[in-house]
PDB file of N, CA and C in Angstrom:
ATOM      1  N   MET A   1     -29.847 -17.457  27.513  1.00  0.00           N
ATOM      2  CA  MET A   1     -29.540 -16.478  26.490  1.00  0.00           C
ATOM      3  C   MET A   1     -30.209 -15.155  26.826  1.00  0.00           C
ATOM      4  N   LYS A   2     -29.520 -14.092  26.516  1.00  0.00           N
ATOM      5  CA  LYS A   2     -30.100 -12.773  26.743  1.00  0.00           C
ATOM      6  C   LYS A   2     -31.207 -12.512  25.734  1.00  0.00           C
ATOM      7  N   GLN A   3     -32.123 -11.649  26.125  1.00  0.00           N
ATOM      8  CA  GLN A   3     -33.199 -11.259  25.209  1.00  0.00           C
ATOM      9  C   GLN A   3     -32.631 -10.413  24.056  1.00  0.00           C
ATOM     10  N   GLU A   4     -31.629  -9.599  24.395  1.00  0.00           N
ATOM     11  CA  GLU A   4     -31.093  -8.685  23.404  1.00  0.00           C
ATOM     12  C   GLU A   4     -29.581  -8.553  23.606  1.00  0.00           C
ATOM     13  N   TYR A   5     -28.846  -8.503  22.527  1.00  0.00           N
ATOM     14  CA  TYR A   5     -27.392  -8.344  22.578  1.00  0.00           C
ATOM     15  C   TYR A   5     -27.012  -7.002  21.971  1.00  0.00           C
ATOM     16  N   ASP A   6     -25.959  -6.388  22.523  1.00  0.00           N
ATOM     17  CA  ASP A   6     -25.501  -5.103  22.039  1.00  0.00           C
ATOM     18  C   ASP A   6     -24.329  -5.311  21.075  1.00  0.00           C
ATOM     19  N   PHE A   7     -24.551  -5.053  19.796  1.00  0.00           N
ATOM     20  CA  PHE A   7     -23.522  -5.196  18.778  1.00  0.00           C
ATOM     21  C   PHE A   7     -22.996  -3.839  18.308  1.00  0.00           C
ATOM     22  N   SER A   8     -23.210  -2.787  19.083  1.00  0.00           N
ATOM     23  CA  SER A   8     -22.807  -1.449  18.649  1.00  0.00           C
ATOM     24  C   SER A   8     -21.283  -1.307  18.537  1.00  0.00           C
ATOM     25  N   ALA A   9     -20.526  -2.066  19.325  1.00  0.00           N
ATOM     26  CA  ALA A   9     -19.058  -1.983  19.264  1.00  0.00           C
ATOM     27  C   ALA A   9     -18.451  -3.168  18.496  1.00  0.00           C
ATOM     28  N   ALA A  10     -19.294  -3.886  17.780  1.00  0.00           N
ATOM     29  CA  ALA A  10     -18.817  -5.072  17.051  1.00  0.00           C
ATOM     30  C   ALA A  10     -17.957  -4.665  15.863  1.00  0.00           C
ATOM     31  N   GLU A  11     -17.029  -5.533  15.515  1.00  0.00           N
ATOM     32  CA  GLU A  11     -16.135  -5.298  14.380  1.00  0.00           C
ATOM     33  C   GLU A  11     -16.403  -6.374  13.334  1.00  0.00           C
ATOM     34  N   GLN A  12     -16.894  -5.965  12.192  1.00  0.00           N
ATOM     35  CA  GLN A  12     -17.229  -6.917  11.144  1.00  0.00           C
ATOM     36  C   GLN A  12     -15.963  -7.510  10.543  1.00  0.00           C
ATOM     37  N   GLY A  13     -15.940  -8.819  10.386  1.00  0.00           N
ATOM     38  CA  GLY A  13     -14.818  -9.510   9.763  1.00  0.00           C
ATOM     39  C   GLY A  13     -13.620  -9.698  10.673  1.00  0.00           C
ATOM     40  N   ARG A  14     -13.792  -9.514  11.959  1.00  0.00           N
ATOM     41  CA  ARG A  14     -12.664  -9.613  12.892  1.00  0.00           C
ATOM     42  C   ARG A  14     -11.976 -10.973  12.844  1.00  0.00           C
ATOM     43  N   PHE A  15     -12.741 -12.028  12.713  1.00  0.00           N
ATOM     44  CA  PHE A  15     -12.180 -13.379  12.725  1.00  0.00           C
ATOM     45  C   PHE A  15     -12.106 -13.997  11.325  1.00  0.00           C
ATOM     46  N   TYR A  16     -12.341 -13.209  10.304  1.00  0.00           N
ATOM     47  CA  TYR A  16     -12.301 -13.707   8.931  1.00  0.00           C
ATOM     48  C   TYR A  16     -10.858 -13.948   8.495  1.00  0.00           C
ATOM     49  N   ARG A  17     -10.630 -15.110   7.877  1.00  0.00           N
ATOM     50  CA  ARG A  17      -9.339 -15.406   7.245  1.00  0.00           C
ATOM     51  C   ARG A  17      -9.635 -15.961   5.862  1.00  0.00           C
ATOM     52  N   PRO A  18      -8.962 -15.431   4.841  1.00  0.00           N
ATOM     53  CA  PRO A  18      -9.192 -15.981   3.498  1.00  0.00           C
ATOM     54  C   PRO A  18      -8.802 -17.459   3.465  1.00  0.00           C
ATOM     55  N   ILE A  19      -9.473 -18.208   2.627  1.00  0.00           N
ATOM     56  CA  ILE A  19      -9.262 -19.660   2.572  1.00  0.00           C
ATOM     57  C   ILE A  19      -7.813 -20.014   2.242  1.00  0.00           C
ATOM     58  N   ASP A  20      -7.134 -19.215   1.418  1.00  0.00           N
ATOM     59  CA  ASP A  20      -5.754 -19.531   1.069  1.00  0.00           C
ATOM     60  C   ASP A  20      -4.778 -19.225   2.204  1.00  0.00           C
ATOM     61  N   ALA A  21      -5.227 -18.564   3.258  1.00  0.00           N
ATOM     62  CA  ALA A  21      -4.369 -18.293   4.408  1.00  0.00           C
ATOM     63  C   ALA A  21      -4.478 -19.391   5.466  1.00  0.00           C
ATOM     64  N   LEU A  22      -5.403 -20.306   5.275  1.00  0.00           N
ATOM     65  CA  LEU A  22      -5.582 -21.402   6.239  1.00  0.00           C
ATOM     66  C   LEU A  22      -4.587 -22.513   5.956  1.00  0.00           C
ATOM     67  N   ASP A  23      -4.051 -23.089   6.998  1.00  0.00           N
ATOM     68  CA  ASP A  23      -3.214 -24.272   6.851  1.00  0.00           C
ATOM     69  C   ASP A  23      -4.109 -25.497   6.995  1.00  0.00           C
ATOM     70  N   ILE A  24      -4.306 -26.174   5.889  1.00  0.00           N
ATOM     71  CA  ILE A  24      -5.172 -27.349   5.876  1.00  0.00           C
ATOM     72  C   ILE A  24      -4.313 -28.575   6.137  1.00  0.00           C
ATOM     73  N   PRO A  25      -4.701 -29.402   7.079  1.00  0.00           N
ATOM     74  CA  PRO A  25      -3.883 -30.594   7.355  1.00  0.00           C
ATOM     75  C   PRO A  25      -3.917 -31.576   6.190  1.00  0.00           C
ATOM     76  N   ILE A  26      -2.789 -32.170   5.936  1.00  0.00           N
ATOM     77  CA  ILE A  26      -2.662 -33.195   4.903  1.00  0.00           C
ATOM     78  C   ILE A  26      -2.347 -34.501   5.624  1.00  0.00           C
ATOM     79  N   TYR A  27      -3.112 -35.522   5.355  1.00  0.00           N
ATOM     80  CA  TYR A  27      -2.920 -36.800   6.019  1.00  0.00           C
ATOM     81  C   TYR A  27      -2.251 -37.782   5.067  1.00  0.00           C
ATOM     82  N   LEU A  28      -1.136 -38.336   5.501  1.00  0.00           N
ATOM     83  CA  LEU A  28      -0.401 -39.301   4.702  1.00  0.00           C
ATOM     84  C   LEU A  28      -0.882 -40.706   5.013  1.00  0.00           C
ATOM     85  N   ASP A  29      -0.814 -41.579   4.020  1.00  0.00           N
ATOM     86  CA  ASP A  29      -1.068 -42.992   4.284  1.00  0.00           C
ATOM     87  C   ASP A  29       0.005 -43.487   5.247  1.00  0.00           C
ATOM     88  N   GLN A  30      -0.341 -44.466   6.037  1.00  0.00           N
ATOM     89  CA  GLN A  30       0.580 -44.951   7.068  1.00  0.00           C
ATOM     90  C   GLN A  30       1.901 -45.456   6.482  1.00  0.00           C
ATOM     91  N   ASP A  31       1.838 -46.180   5.360  1.00  0.00           N
ATOM     92  CA  ASP A  31       3.074 -46.692   4.765  1.00  0.00           C
ATOM     93  C   ASP A  31       3.956 -45.575   4.212  1.00  0.00           C
ATOM     94  N   VAL A  32       3.335 -44.525   3.650  1.00  0.00           N
ATOM     95  CA  VAL A  32       4.099 -43.383   3.144  1.00  0.00           C
ATOM     96  C   VAL A  32       4.746 -42.642   4.311  1.00  0.00           C
ATOM     97  N   LYS A  33       3.990 -42.424   5.350  1.00  0.00           N
ATOM     98  CA  LYS A  33       4.510 -41.732   6.527  1.00  0.00           C
ATOM     99  C   LYS A  33       5.682 -42.497   7.142  1.00  0.00           C
ATOM    100  N   GLN A  34       5.530 -43.800   7.257  1.00  0.00           N
ATOM    101  CA  GLN A  34       6.594 -44.619   7.836  1.00  0.00           C
ATOM    102  C   GLN A  34       7.855 -44.578   6.984  1.00  0.00           C
ATOM    103  N   PHE A  35       7.693 -44.654   5.672  1.00  0.00           N
ATOM    104  CA  PHE A  35       8.834 -44.580   4.759  1.00  0.00           C
ATOM    105  C   PHE A  35       9.559 -43.252   4.914  1.00  0.00           C
ATOM    106  N   MET A  36       8.806 -42.154   4.949  1.00  0.00           N
ATOM    107  CA  MET A  36       9.405 -40.824   5.062  1.00  0.00           C
ATOM    108  C   MET A  36      10.099 -40.639   6.406  1.00  0.00           C
ATOM    109  N   LEU A  37       9.508 -41.143   7.457  1.00  0.00           N
ATOM    110  CA  LEU A  37      10.135 -41.038   8.779  1.00  0.00           C
ATOM    111  C   LEU A  37      11.433 -41.837   8.835  1.00  0.00           C
ATOM    112  N   THR A  38      11.447 -43.000   8.192  1.00  0.00           N
ATOM    113  CA  THR A  38      12.659 -43.807   8.130  1.00  0.00           C
ATOM    114  C   THR A  38      13.749 -43.071   7.354  1.00  0.00           C
ATOM    115  N   LYS A  39      13.371 -42.463   6.226  1.00  0.00           N
ATOM    116  CA  LYS A  39      14.311 -41.672   5.433  1.00  0.00           C
ATOM    117  C   LYS A  39      14.861 -40.507   6.245  1.00  0.00           C
ATOM    118  N   LEU A  40      13.980 -39.873   6.986  1.00  0.00           N
ATOM    119  CA  LEU A  40      14.355 -38.721   7.794  1.00  0.00           C
ATOM    120  C   LEU A  40      15.359 -39.095   8.878  1.00  0.00           C
ATOM    121  N   LYS A  41      15.143 -40.231   9.520  1.00  0.00           N
ATOM    122  CA  LYS A  41      16.047 -40.683  10.588  1.00  0.00           C
ATOM    123  C   LYS A  41      17.412 -41.072  10.044  1.00  0.00           C
ATOM    124  N   SER A  42      17.458 -41.607   8.829  1.00  0.00           N
ATOM    125  CA  SER A  42      18.723 -42.054   8.259  1.00  0.00           C
ATOM    126  C   SER A  42      19.605 -40.893   7.787  1.00  0.00           C
ATOM    127  N   LYS A  43      19.004 -39.722   7.565  1.00  0.00           N
ATOM    128  CA  LYS A  43      19.772 -38.584   7.063  1.00  0.00           C
ATOM    129  C   LYS A  43      20.539 -37.856   8.157  1.00  0.00           C
ATOM    130  N   SER A  44      20.162 -38.007   9.377  1.00  0.00           N
ATOM    131  CA  SER A  44      20.798 -37.382  10.545  1.00  0.00           C
ATOM    132  C   SER A  44      20.990 -35.877  10.391  1.00  0.00           C
ATOM    133  N   ASN A  45      19.959 -35.199   9.892  1.00  0.00           N
ATOM    134  CA  ASN A  45      19.980 -33.736   9.870  1.00  0.00           C
ATOM    135  C   ASN A  45      18.747 -33.205  10.601  1.00  0.00           C
ATOM    136  N   THR A  46      18.568 -31.920  10.590  1.00  0.00           N
ATOM    137  CA  THR A  46      17.473 -31.323  11.357  1.00  0.00           C
ATOM    138  C   THR A  46      16.248 -31.012  10.501  1.00  0.00           C
ATOM    139  N   THR A  47      16.110 -31.655   9.363  1.00  0.00           N
ATOM    140  CA  THR A  47      14.947 -31.452   8.502  1.00  0.00           C
ATOM    141  C   THR A  47      13.719 -32.064   9.149  1.00  0.00           C
ATOM    142  N   SER A  48      12.606 -31.352   9.069  1.00  0.00           N
ATOM    143  CA  SER A  48      11.358 -31.880   9.606  1.00  0.00           C
ATOM    144  C   SER A  48      10.632 -32.697   8.537  1.00  0.00           C
ATOM    145  N   LEU A  49       9.645 -33.431   8.962  1.00  0.00           N
ATOM    146  CA  LEU A  49       8.844 -34.232   8.032  1.00  0.00           C
ATOM    147  C   LEU A  49       8.160 -33.320   7.009  1.00  0.00           C
ATOM    148  N   SER A  50       7.639 -32.201   7.463  1.00  0.00           N
ATOM    149  CA  SER A  50       6.985 -31.249   6.557  1.00  0.00           C
ATOM    150  C   SER A  50       7.954 -30.721   5.513  1.00  0.00           C
ATOM    151  N   GLU A  51       9.168 -30.377   5.939  1.00  0.00           N
ATOM    152  CA  GLU A  51      10.168 -29.875   4.998  1.00  0.00           C
ATOM    153  C   GLU A  51      10.542 -30.937   3.971  1.00  0.00           C
ATOM    154  N   LEU A  52      10.685 -32.168   4.414  1.00  0.00           N
ATOM    155  CA  LEU A  52      11.019 -33.258   3.503  1.00  0.00           C
ATOM    156  C   LEU A  52       9.916 -33.472   2.470  1.00  0.00           C
ATOM    157  N   ILE A  53       8.684 -33.551   2.927  1.00  0.00           N
ATOM    158  CA  ILE A  53       7.543 -33.763   2.016  1.00  0.00           C
ATOM    159  C   ILE A  53       7.422 -32.585   1.044  1.00  0.00           C
ATOM    160  N   ASN A  54       7.547 -31.364   1.555  1.00  0.00           N
ATOM    161  CA  ASN A  54       7.458 -30.188   0.680  1.00  0.00           C
ATOM    162  C   ASN A  54       8.552 -30.167  -0.365  1.00  0.00           C
ATOM    163  N   SER A  55       9.773 -30.516   0.009  1.00  0.00           N
ATOM    164  CA  SER A  55      10.859 -30.524  -0.977  1.00  0.00           C
ATOM    165  C   SER A  55      10.615 -31.582  -2.048  1.00  0.00           C
ATOM    166  N   LEU A  56      10.113 -32.741  -1.657  1.00  0.00           N
ATOM    167  CA  LEU A  56       9.798 -33.779  -2.646  1.00  0.00           C
ATOM    168  C   LEU A  56       8.677 -33.342  -3.584  1.00  0.00           C
ATOM    169  N   LEU A  57       7.667 -32.698  -3.040  1.00  0.00           N
ATOM    170  CA  LEU A  57       6.564 -32.215  -3.873  1.00  0.00           C
ATOM    171  C   LEU A  57       7.032 -31.118  -4.830  1.00  0.00           C
ATOM    172  N   LYS A  58       7.902 -30.238  -4.367  1.00  0.00           N
ATOM    173  CA  LYS A  58       8.434 -29.185  -5.237  1.00  0.00           C
ATOM    174  C   LYS A  58       9.246 -29.778  -6.384  1.00  0.00           C
ATOM    175  N   LYS A  59      10.033 -30.804  -6.090  1.00  0.00           N
ATOM    176  CA  LYS A  59      10.799 -31.474  -7.150  1.00  0.00           C
ATOM    177  C   LYS A  59       9.855 -32.138  -8.139  1.00  0.00           C
ATOM    178  N   ASP A  60       8.787 -32.742  -7.642  1.00  0.00           N
ATOM    179  CA  ASP A  60       7.807 -33.388  -8.508  1.00  0.00           C
ATOM    180  C   ASP A  60       7.129 -32.355  -9.412  1.00  0.00           C
ATOM    181  N   ILE A  61       6.812 -31.194  -8.866  1.00  0.00           N
ATOM    182  CA  ILE A  61       6.203 -30.120  -9.664  1.00  0.00           C
ATOM    183  C   ILE A  61       7.177 -29.664 -10.750  1.00  0.00           C
ATOM    184  N   GLU A  62       8.436 -29.510 -10.385  1.00  0.00           N
ATOM    185  CA  GLU A  62       9.462 -29.097 -11.347  1.00  0.00           C
ATOM    186  C   GLU A  62       9.597 -30.111 -12.481  1.00  0.00           C
ATOM    187  N   ILE A  63       9.641 -31.387 -12.147  1.00  0.00           N
ATOM    188  CA  ILE A  63       9.740 -32.449 -13.159  1.00  0.00           C
ATOM    189  C   ILE A  63       8.511 -32.451 -14.057  1.00  0.00           C
ATOM    190  N   THR A  64       7.335 -32.297 -13.456  1.00  0.00           N
ATOM    191  CA  THR A  64       6.092 -32.269 -14.233  1.00  0.00           C
ATOM    192  C   THR A  64       6.095 -31.100 -15.219  1.00  0.00           C
ATOM    193  N   LYS A  65       6.564 -29.928 -14.774  1.00  0.00           N
ATOM    194  CA  LYS A  65       6.629 -28.775 -15.662  1.00  0.00           C
ATOM    195  C   LYS A  65       7.597 -29.015 -16.822  1.00  0.00           C
ATOM    196  N   GLN A  66       8.735 -29.628 -16.512  1.00  0.00           N
ATOM    197  CA  GLN A  66       9.711 -29.914 -17.558  1.00  0.00           C
ATOM    198  C   GLN A  66       9.159 -30.904 -18.569  1.00  0.00           C
ATOM    199  N   LEU A  67       8.474 -31.929 -18.110  1.00  0.00           N
ATOM    200  CA  LEU A  67       7.912 -32.934 -19.017  1.00  0.00           C
ATOM    201  C   LEU A  67       6.761 -32.371 -19.852  1.00  0.00           C
ATOM    202  N   SER A  68       5.977 -31.473 -19.266  1.00  0.00           N
ATOM    203  CA  SER A  68       4.838 -30.929 -20.012  1.00  0.00           C
ATOM    204  C   SER A  68       5.267 -29.893 -21.044  1.00  0.00           C
ATOM    205  N   SER A  69       6.478 -29.331 -20.906  1.00  0.00           N
ATOM    206  CA  SER A  69       6.947 -28.348 -21.881  1.00  0.00           C
ATOM    207  C   SER A  69       7.658 -28.999 -23.067  1.00  0.00           C
ATOM    208  N   VAL A  70       7.873 -30.313 -22.991  1.00  0.00           N
ATOM    209  CA  VAL A  70       8.565 -31.021 -24.083  1.00  0.00           C
ATOM    210  C   VAL A  70       7.616 -31.306 -25.206  1.00  0.00           C
TER     211      VAL A  70
END
């Protein structure tokens, strides 16, 4: 290690990313993942696993909102 480092040209916050801008991995249980992959293969379209899971979660959110407003 150097005795002294030159930080005169340093840029503060250069590598900072707000927490909501990070893509956090979501891990599925093996049985859920297998079920979704099987569903995905049977549909014969170009939807990805992420798109399928996101669409299901969005529908679940919509249903939850409808039920909570009743």
